[in-house]
């Protein structure tokens, strides 16, 4: 009986998430080539929502890192200060291209940003992985000099 109730609760939760997402304004999505053009034009800035460790291993040049989630021993935890941290660097009218590793976290981040009043956010489809696959400019960590 408990298993049936738990299953029903999970199914209802999933339905509520799907319904809520369906009622939101859709997130504008751009491919990496278009994202690169937007960033080079100077009218857009890049927000990288990957973890700090992912960011340190390489990122889009001139990007700002504000993690959307943290990976902990308990699993993924949403950054509770995400909106406040973004708002410290961006105005709600700024043109922002949002990216992560593959485009999933960045899409979720875009929904949250739009709900918080950010008007001009675009999700970069394929994320940093697609950016690298298309040989676009990245900033990699400098190699440590060996002694």
N, C-alpha and C. Protein backbone atom coordinates (compact mmCIF):
# COMPACT_ATOMS: atom_id res chain seq x y z
N UNK A 1 0.82 -1.20 0.00
CA UNK A 1 0.00 0.00 0.00
C UNK A 1 0.87 1.27 0.00
N UNK A 2 1.93 1.26 0.85
CA UNK A 2 2.81 2.43 0.90
C UNK A 2 3.48 2.67 -0.45
N UNK A 3 3.87 1.58 -1.11
CA UNK A 3 4.52 1.70 -2.41
C UNK A 3 3.57 2.33 -3.42
N UNK A 4 2.31 1.95 -3.38
CA UNK A 4 1.32 2.51 -4.30
C UNK A 4 1.12 4.00 -4.05
N UNK A 5 1.09 4.38 -2.79
CA UNK A 5 0.92 5.80 -2.45
C UNK A 5 2.15 6.59 -2.90
N UNK A 6 3.33 6.04 -2.64
CA UNK A 6 4.57 6.71 -3.05
C UNK A 6 4.61 6.88 -4.57
N UNK A 7 4.20 5.84 -5.29
CA UNK A 7 4.18 5.90 -6.75
C UNK A 7 3.19 6.96 -7.23
N UNK A 8 2.04 7.02 -6.60
CA UNK A 8 1.03 8.02 -6.97
C UNK A 8 1.54 9.44 -6.72
N UNK A 9 2.25 9.63 -5.60
CA UNK A 9 2.79 10.95 -5.29
C UNK A 9 3.85 11.35 -6.32
N UNK A 10 4.71 10.40 -6.69
CA UNK A 10 5.74 10.68 -7.70
C UNK A 10 5.11 11.04 -9.04
N UNK A 11 4.09 10.29 -9.43
CA UNK A 11 3.42 10.55 -10.70
C UNK A 11 2.75 11.93 -10.69
N UNK A 12 2.11 12.27 -9.58
CA UNK A 12 1.45 13.57 -9.46
C UNK A 12 2.48 14.70 -9.50
N UNK A 13 3.61 14.50 -8.82
CA UNK A 13 4.68 15.51 -8.83
C UNK A 13 5.19 15.74 -10.24
N UNK A 14 5.42 14.66 -10.98
CA UNK A 14 5.90 14.78 -12.36
C UNK A 14 4.88 15.52 -13.21
N UNK A 15 3.60 15.21 -13.04
CA UNK A 15 2.55 15.88 -13.79
C UNK A 15 2.52 17.38 -13.48
N UNK A 16 2.69 17.74 -12.21
CA UNK A 16 2.70 19.15 -11.83
C UNK A 16 3.87 19.88 -12.45
N UNK A 17 5.04 19.25 -12.48
CA UNK A 17 6.21 19.88 -13.09
C UNK A 17 5.98 20.09 -14.58
N UNK A 18 5.46 19.07 -15.25
CA UNK A 18 5.19 19.18 -16.69
C UNK A 18 4.15 20.26 -16.95
N UNK A 19 3.10 20.31 -16.15
CA UNK A 19 2.06 21.31 -16.32
C UNK A 19 2.61 22.71 -16.08
N UNK A 20 3.40 22.87 -15.03
CA UNK A 20 3.98 24.18 -14.72
C UNK A 20 4.89 24.64 -15.84
N UNK A 21 5.73 23.75 -16.35
CA UNK A 21 6.64 24.11 -17.44
C UNK A 21 5.84 24.47 -18.69
N UNK A 22 4.73 23.80 -18.92
CA UNK A 22 3.93 24.06 -20.11
C UNK A 22 3.27 25.42 -20.08
N UNK A 23 3.05 25.98 -18.88
CA UNK A 23 2.39 27.27 -18.78
C UNK A 23 3.37 28.43 -18.82
N UNK A 24 4.67 28.15 -18.75
CA UNK A 24 5.67 29.20 -18.78
C UNK A 24 5.97 29.62 -20.22
N UNK A 25 6.45 30.84 -20.34
CA UNK A 25 6.90 31.32 -21.63
C UNK A 25 8.08 30.46 -22.08
N UNK A 26 8.11 30.04 -23.33
CA UNK A 26 9.22 29.20 -23.78
C UNK A 26 10.54 29.96 -23.76
N UNK A 27 11.60 29.21 -23.51
CA UNK A 27 12.94 29.78 -23.50
C UNK A 27 13.45 29.89 -24.93
N UNK A 28 13.97 31.04 -25.28
CA UNK A 28 14.60 31.20 -26.60
C UNK A 28 15.88 30.39 -26.60
N UNK A 29 16.10 29.65 -27.67
CA UNK A 29 17.30 28.82 -27.78
C UNK A 29 18.07 29.22 -29.03
N UNK A 30 19.40 29.22 -28.89
CA UNK A 30 20.27 29.52 -30.03
C UNK A 30 21.35 28.46 -30.11
N UNK A 31 21.77 28.15 -31.31
CA UNK A 31 22.89 27.24 -31.50
C UNK A 31 24.20 27.94 -31.17
N UNK A 32 25.27 27.16 -31.10
CA UNK A 32 26.55 27.73 -30.70
C UNK A 32 27.09 28.74 -31.71
N UNK A 33 26.85 28.54 -32.99
CA UNK A 33 27.34 29.50 -33.99
C UNK A 33 26.65 30.85 -33.80
N UNK A 34 25.33 30.83 -33.61
CA UNK A 34 24.59 32.08 -33.38
C UNK A 34 25.03 32.70 -32.05
N UNK A 35 25.20 31.87 -31.03
CA UNK A 35 25.66 32.38 -29.73
C UNK A 35 27.00 33.08 -29.88
N UNK A 36 27.91 32.47 -30.63
CA UNK A 36 29.21 33.08 -30.86
C UNK A 36 29.09 34.43 -31.55
N UNK A 37 28.21 34.52 -32.54
CA UNK A 37 27.98 35.79 -33.24
C UNK A 37 27.42 36.85 -32.29
N UNK A 38 26.46 36.45 -31.45
CA UNK A 38 25.86 37.38 -30.50
C UNK A 38 26.91 37.91 -29.52
N UNK A 39 27.76 37.02 -29.05
CA UNK A 39 28.79 37.42 -28.08
C UNK A 39 29.84 38.32 -28.73
N UNK A 40 30.23 38.00 -29.95
CA UNK A 40 31.22 38.83 -30.66
C UNK A 40 30.66 40.21 -31.00
N UNK A 41 29.35 40.30 -31.18
CA UNK A 41 28.75 41.59 -31.53
C UNK A 41 28.82 42.59 -30.38
N UNK A 42 29.06 42.09 -29.18
CA UNK A 42 29.15 42.97 -28.02
C UNK A 42 27.82 43.28 -27.37
N UNK A 43 26.73 42.84 -27.95
CA UNK A 43 25.42 43.13 -27.38
C UNK A 43 24.93 42.09 -26.39
N UNK A 44 25.66 41.00 -26.27
CA UNK A 44 25.27 39.92 -25.35
C UNK A 44 26.46 39.54 -24.47
N UNK A 45 26.14 39.02 -23.29
CA UNK A 45 27.15 38.49 -22.38
C UNK A 45 26.83 37.03 -22.11
N UNK A 46 27.88 36.27 -21.75
CA UNK A 46 27.73 34.83 -21.55
C UNK A 46 27.73 34.50 -20.06
N UNK A 47 26.69 33.79 -19.63
CA UNK A 47 26.57 33.30 -18.26
C UNK A 47 26.75 31.79 -18.27
N UNK A 48 27.81 31.32 -17.64
CA UNK A 48 28.12 29.89 -17.56
C UNK A 48 27.58 29.37 -16.23
N UNK A 49 26.62 28.45 -16.28
CA UNK A 49 25.98 27.97 -15.06
C UNK A 49 26.52 26.61 -14.60
N UNK A 50 27.65 26.20 -15.16
CA UNK A 50 28.28 24.95 -14.72
C UNK A 50 28.91 25.15 -13.34
N UNK A 51 29.38 24.05 -12.76
CA UNK A 51 30.05 24.15 -11.47
C UNK A 51 31.38 24.89 -11.63
N UNK A 52 31.91 25.36 -10.52
CA UNK A 52 33.20 26.06 -10.56
C UNK A 52 34.30 25.16 -11.11
N UNK A 53 34.28 23.88 -10.75
CA UNK A 53 35.29 22.95 -11.24
C UNK A 53 35.19 22.79 -12.76
N UNK A 54 33.97 22.61 -13.27
CA UNK A 54 33.79 22.51 -14.72
C UNK A 54 34.31 23.77 -15.41
N UNK A 55 33.99 24.92 -14.84
CA UNK A 55 34.39 26.20 -15.40
C UNK A 55 35.91 26.33 -15.43
N UNK A 56 36.58 25.94 -14.34
CA UNK A 56 38.05 26.02 -14.27
C UNK A 56 38.73 25.17 -15.33
N UNK A 57 38.09 24.09 -15.75
CA UNK A 57 38.69 23.20 -16.75
C UNK A 57 38.60 23.74 -18.17
N UNK A 58 37.91 24.85 -18.36
CA UNK A 58 37.78 25.49 -19.66
C UNK A 58 36.41 26.13 -19.78
N UNK A 59 36.37 27.28 -20.44
CA UNK A 59 35.10 27.99 -20.58
C UNK A 59 35.14 28.94 -21.77
N UNK A 60 33.97 29.41 -22.15
CA UNK A 60 33.83 30.41 -23.20
C UNK A 60 34.55 31.68 -22.72
N UNK A 61 35.33 32.29 -23.60
CA UNK A 61 36.06 33.50 -23.22
C UNK A 61 35.11 34.59 -22.76
N UNK A 62 35.56 35.37 -21.79
CA UNK A 62 34.81 36.52 -21.25
C UNK A 62 33.47 36.13 -20.65
N UNK A 63 33.39 34.94 -20.09
CA UNK A 63 32.13 34.51 -19.48
C UNK A 63 32.16 34.70 -17.97
N UNK A 64 30.98 34.74 -17.39
CA UNK A 64 30.82 34.83 -15.94
C UNK A 64 30.27 33.50 -15.46
N UNK A 65 30.84 32.96 -14.39
CA UNK A 65 30.40 31.68 -13.84
C UNK A 65 29.57 31.89 -12.59
N UNK A 66 28.31 31.47 -12.64
CA UNK A 66 27.44 31.40 -11.47
C UNK A 66 26.80 30.02 -11.53
N UNK A 67 27.26 29.08 -10.70
CA UNK A 67 26.72 27.72 -10.75
C UNK A 67 25.22 27.68 -10.46
N UNK A 68 24.49 26.92 -11.27
CA UNK A 68 23.06 26.72 -11.05
C UNK A 68 22.83 25.63 -10.02
N UNK A 69 23.67 24.62 -10.04
CA UNK A 69 23.60 23.53 -9.06
C UNK A 69 25.00 23.26 -8.53
N UNK A 70 25.03 22.62 -7.36
CA UNK A 70 26.26 22.14 -6.78
C UNK A 70 26.15 20.62 -6.69
N UNK A 71 27.25 19.93 -6.95
CA UNK A 71 27.28 18.49 -6.78
C UNK A 71 27.83 18.21 -5.39
N UNK A 72 27.01 17.59 -4.55
CA UNK A 72 27.41 17.29 -3.17
C UNK A 72 27.38 15.78 -2.96
N UNK A 73 27.77 15.36 -1.77
CA UNK A 73 27.73 13.93 -1.46
C UNK A 73 26.29 13.42 -1.44
N UNK A 74 25.32 14.31 -1.28
CA UNK A 74 23.90 13.94 -1.31
C UNK A 74 23.31 14.01 -2.72
N UNK A 75 24.09 14.42 -3.69
CA UNK A 75 23.60 14.56 -5.05
C UNK A 75 23.65 16.01 -5.50
N UNK A 76 22.82 16.33 -6.48
CA UNK A 76 22.77 17.71 -7.00
C UNK A 76 21.88 18.56 -6.11
N UNK A 77 22.36 19.75 -5.78
CA UNK A 77 21.57 20.69 -5.01
C UNK A 77 21.55 22.02 -5.75
N UNK A 78 20.37 22.57 -5.91
CA UNK A 78 20.23 23.85 -6.59
C UNK A 78 20.88 24.95 -5.76
N UNK A 79 21.57 25.86 -6.42
CA UNK A 79 22.20 26.99 -5.76
C UNK A 79 21.10 27.92 -5.24
N UNK A 80 20.94 28.03 -3.91
CA UNK A 80 19.84 28.85 -3.39
C UNK A 80 20.01 30.35 -3.64
N UNK A 81 21.22 30.80 -3.93
CA UNK A 81 21.47 32.22 -4.20
C UNK A 81 21.66 32.51 -5.68
N UNK A 82 21.27 31.58 -6.54
CA UNK A 82 21.53 31.74 -7.97
C UNK A 82 21.02 33.07 -8.52
N UNK A 83 19.76 33.37 -8.30
CA UNK A 83 19.17 34.60 -8.86
C UNK A 83 19.87 35.84 -8.30
N UNK A 84 20.12 35.86 -7.00
CA UNK A 84 20.78 37.00 -6.39
C UNK A 84 22.19 37.19 -6.94
N UNK A 85 22.91 36.08 -7.14
CA UNK A 85 24.27 36.17 -7.67
C UNK A 85 24.27 36.68 -9.11
N UNK A 86 23.32 36.22 -9.89
CA UNK A 86 23.22 36.71 -11.28
C UNK A 86 22.85 38.19 -11.27
N UNK A 87 21.90 38.57 -10.42
CA UNK A 87 21.46 39.96 -10.36
C UNK A 87 22.57 40.92 -9.92
N UNK A 88 23.58 40.40 -9.25
CA UNK A 88 24.71 41.24 -8.84
C UNK A 88 25.59 41.62 -10.04
N UNK A 89 25.45 40.90 -11.15
CA UNK A 89 26.29 41.13 -12.32
C UNK A 89 25.53 41.55 -13.58
N UNK A 90 24.23 41.28 -13.61
CA UNK A 90 23.42 41.56 -14.79
C UNK A 90 22.19 42.36 -14.40
N UNK A 91 21.79 43.29 -15.27
CA UNK A 91 20.50 43.96 -15.12
C UNK A 91 19.44 43.08 -15.76
N UNK A 92 18.20 43.26 -15.38
CA UNK A 92 17.12 42.42 -15.91
C UNK A 92 16.86 42.65 -17.39
N UNK A 93 17.36 43.76 -17.95
CA UNK A 93 17.18 44.02 -19.37
C UNK A 93 18.39 43.58 -20.20
N UNK A 94 19.46 43.13 -19.57
CA UNK A 94 20.66 42.72 -20.31
C UNK A 94 20.37 41.53 -21.21
N UNK A 95 21.10 41.46 -22.32
CA UNK A 95 21.02 40.32 -23.24
C UNK A 95 22.01 39.26 -22.75
N UNK A 96 21.49 38.11 -22.35
CA UNK A 96 22.31 37.08 -21.73
C UNK A 96 22.18 35.77 -22.50
N UNK A 97 23.31 35.20 -22.88
CA UNK A 97 23.36 33.84 -23.43
C UNK A 97 23.77 32.95 -22.26
N UNK A 98 22.94 31.95 -21.97
CA UNK A 98 23.19 31.07 -20.82
C UNK A 98 23.62 29.71 -21.33
N UNK A 99 24.70 29.19 -20.75
CA UNK A 99 25.20 27.89 -21.17
C UNK A 99 25.65 27.04 -20.00
N UNK A 100 25.68 25.74 -20.23
CA UNK A 100 26.19 24.78 -19.26
C UNK A 100 27.02 23.76 -20.03
N UNK A 101 27.05 22.53 -19.59
CA UNK A 101 27.82 21.50 -20.29
C UNK A 101 27.12 21.06 -21.57
N UNK A 102 25.80 20.80 -21.46
CA UNK A 102 25.08 20.24 -22.60
C UNK A 102 23.79 20.97 -22.96
N UNK A 103 23.39 21.94 -22.17
CA UNK A 103 22.18 22.71 -22.47
C UNK A 103 21.00 22.43 -21.56
N UNK A 104 21.13 21.46 -20.66
CA UNK A 104 20.00 21.10 -19.78
C UNK A 104 19.93 22.04 -18.58
N UNK A 105 21.00 22.15 -17.82
CA UNK A 105 21.00 23.04 -16.65
C UNK A 105 20.75 24.48 -17.08
N UNK A 106 21.32 24.87 -18.22
CA UNK A 106 21.14 26.25 -18.67
C UNK A 106 19.69 26.55 -19.03
N UNK A 107 18.98 25.56 -19.56
CA UNK A 107 17.57 25.77 -19.86
C UNK A 107 16.78 25.97 -18.57
N UNK A 108 17.06 25.15 -17.57
CA UNK A 108 16.40 25.31 -16.27
C UNK A 108 16.73 26.68 -15.67
N UNK A 109 18.00 27.07 -15.79
CA UNK A 109 18.41 28.38 -15.28
C UNK A 109 17.66 29.50 -16.00
N UNK A 110 17.48 29.36 -17.31
CA UNK A 110 16.73 30.36 -18.08
C UNK A 110 15.30 30.50 -17.58
N UNK A 111 14.64 29.36 -17.30
CA UNK A 111 13.28 29.43 -16.76
C UNK A 111 13.26 30.22 -15.46
N UNK A 112 14.21 29.93 -14.57
CA UNK A 112 14.26 30.64 -13.29
C UNK A 112 14.56 32.12 -13.48
N UNK A 113 15.48 32.43 -14.38
CA UNK A 113 15.81 33.83 -14.64
C UNK A 113 14.60 34.59 -15.21
N UNK A 114 13.90 33.97 -16.13
CA UNK A 114 12.71 34.60 -16.71
C UNK A 114 11.64 34.81 -15.64
N UNK A 115 11.46 33.83 -14.77
CA UNK A 115 10.48 33.95 -13.69
C UNK A 115 10.86 35.08 -12.73
N UNK A 116 12.16 35.36 -12.62
CA UNK A 116 12.64 36.43 -11.75
C UNK A 116 12.64 37.79 -12.45
N UNK A 117 12.19 37.83 -13.71
CA UNK A 117 12.07 39.10 -14.42
C UNK A 117 13.17 39.42 -15.41
N UNK A 118 14.12 38.52 -15.60
CA UNK A 118 15.13 38.74 -16.64
C UNK A 118 14.46 38.53 -17.99
N UNK A 119 14.53 39.55 -18.84
CA UNK A 119 13.72 39.59 -20.05
C UNK A 119 14.38 39.02 -21.30
N UNK A 120 15.69 39.03 -21.36
CA UNK A 120 16.39 38.70 -22.60
C UNK A 120 17.42 37.59 -22.41
N UNK A 121 16.95 36.43 -22.02
CA UNK A 121 17.86 35.29 -21.84
C UNK A 121 17.67 34.29 -22.98
N UNK A 122 18.78 33.70 -23.38
CA UNK A 122 18.76 32.70 -24.45
C UNK A 122 19.57 31.50 -23.98
N UNK A 123 19.03 30.31 -24.17
CA UNK A 123 19.73 29.08 -23.84
C UNK A 123 20.60 28.67 -25.02
N UNK A 124 21.88 28.39 -24.75
CA UNK A 124 22.77 27.92 -25.81
C UNK A 124 22.63 26.41 -25.94
N UNK A 125 22.03 25.98 -27.04
CA UNK A 125 21.79 24.56 -27.28
C UNK A 125 23.11 23.80 -27.38
N UNK A 126 23.17 22.66 -26.73
CA UNK A 126 24.37 21.83 -26.79
C UNK A 126 25.44 22.21 -25.79
N UNK A 127 25.34 23.40 -25.21
CA UNK A 127 26.24 23.83 -24.17
C UNK A 127 27.70 23.92 -24.58
N UNK A 128 28.56 23.88 -23.56
CA UNK A 128 30.00 24.00 -23.76
C UNK A 128 30.54 22.86 -24.62
N UNK A 129 29.96 21.67 -24.47
CA UNK A 129 30.41 20.54 -25.30
C UNK A 129 30.27 20.87 -26.79
N UNK A 130 29.12 21.42 -27.18
CA UNK A 130 28.91 21.78 -28.59
C UNK A 130 29.81 22.94 -29.00
N UNK A 131 30.03 23.87 -28.09
CA UNK A 131 30.92 25.00 -28.36
C UNK A 131 32.32 24.49 -28.73
N UNK A 132 32.83 23.56 -27.92
CA UNK A 132 34.16 22.99 -28.16
C UNK A 132 34.18 22.18 -29.46
N UNK A 133 33.13 21.38 -29.68
CA UNK A 133 33.04 20.56 -30.90
C UNK A 133 33.06 21.42 -32.17
N UNK A 134 32.59 22.65 -32.06
CA UNK A 134 32.56 23.56 -33.21
C UNK A 134 33.80 24.45 -33.28
N UNK A 135 34.81 24.11 -32.48
CA UNK A 135 36.10 24.82 -32.50
C UNK A 135 35.97 26.32 -32.26
N UNK A 136 35.07 26.72 -31.38
CA UNK A 136 34.94 28.13 -31.03
C UNK A 136 35.91 28.45 -29.89
N UNK A 137 36.22 29.73 -29.72
CA UNK A 137 37.26 30.16 -28.78
C UNK A 137 36.92 29.81 -27.33
N UNK A 138 37.89 29.21 -26.66
CA UNK A 138 37.74 28.86 -25.25
C UNK A 138 38.95 29.35 -24.47
N UNK A 139 38.75 29.49 -23.19
CA UNK A 139 39.86 29.81 -22.30
C UNK A 139 40.12 28.56 -21.47
N UNK A 140 41.32 28.03 -21.59
CA UNK A 140 41.72 26.82 -20.86
C UNK A 140 42.67 27.23 -19.74
N UNK A 141 42.74 26.42 -18.68
CA UNK A 141 43.70 26.74 -17.62
C UNK A 141 45.13 26.65 -18.14
N UNK A 142 45.96 27.51 -17.62
CA UNK A 142 47.36 27.48 -18.02
C UNK A 142 48.05 26.29 -17.37
N UNK A 143 48.93 25.66 -18.11
CA UNK A 143 49.67 24.51 -17.57
C UNK A 143 50.63 24.98 -16.49
N UNK A 144 50.70 24.21 -15.43
CA UNK A 144 51.63 24.51 -14.35
C UNK A 144 53.04 24.17 -14.82
N UNK A 145 53.98 25.03 -14.53
CA UNK A 145 55.38 24.73 -14.85
C UNK A 145 55.85 23.59 -13.97
N UNK A 146 56.47 22.62 -14.59
CA UNK A 146 56.99 21.50 -13.81
C UNK A 146 58.35 21.86 -13.26
N UNK A 147 58.61 21.43 -12.04
CA UNK A 147 59.90 21.70 -11.40
C UNK A 147 60.90 20.65 -11.76
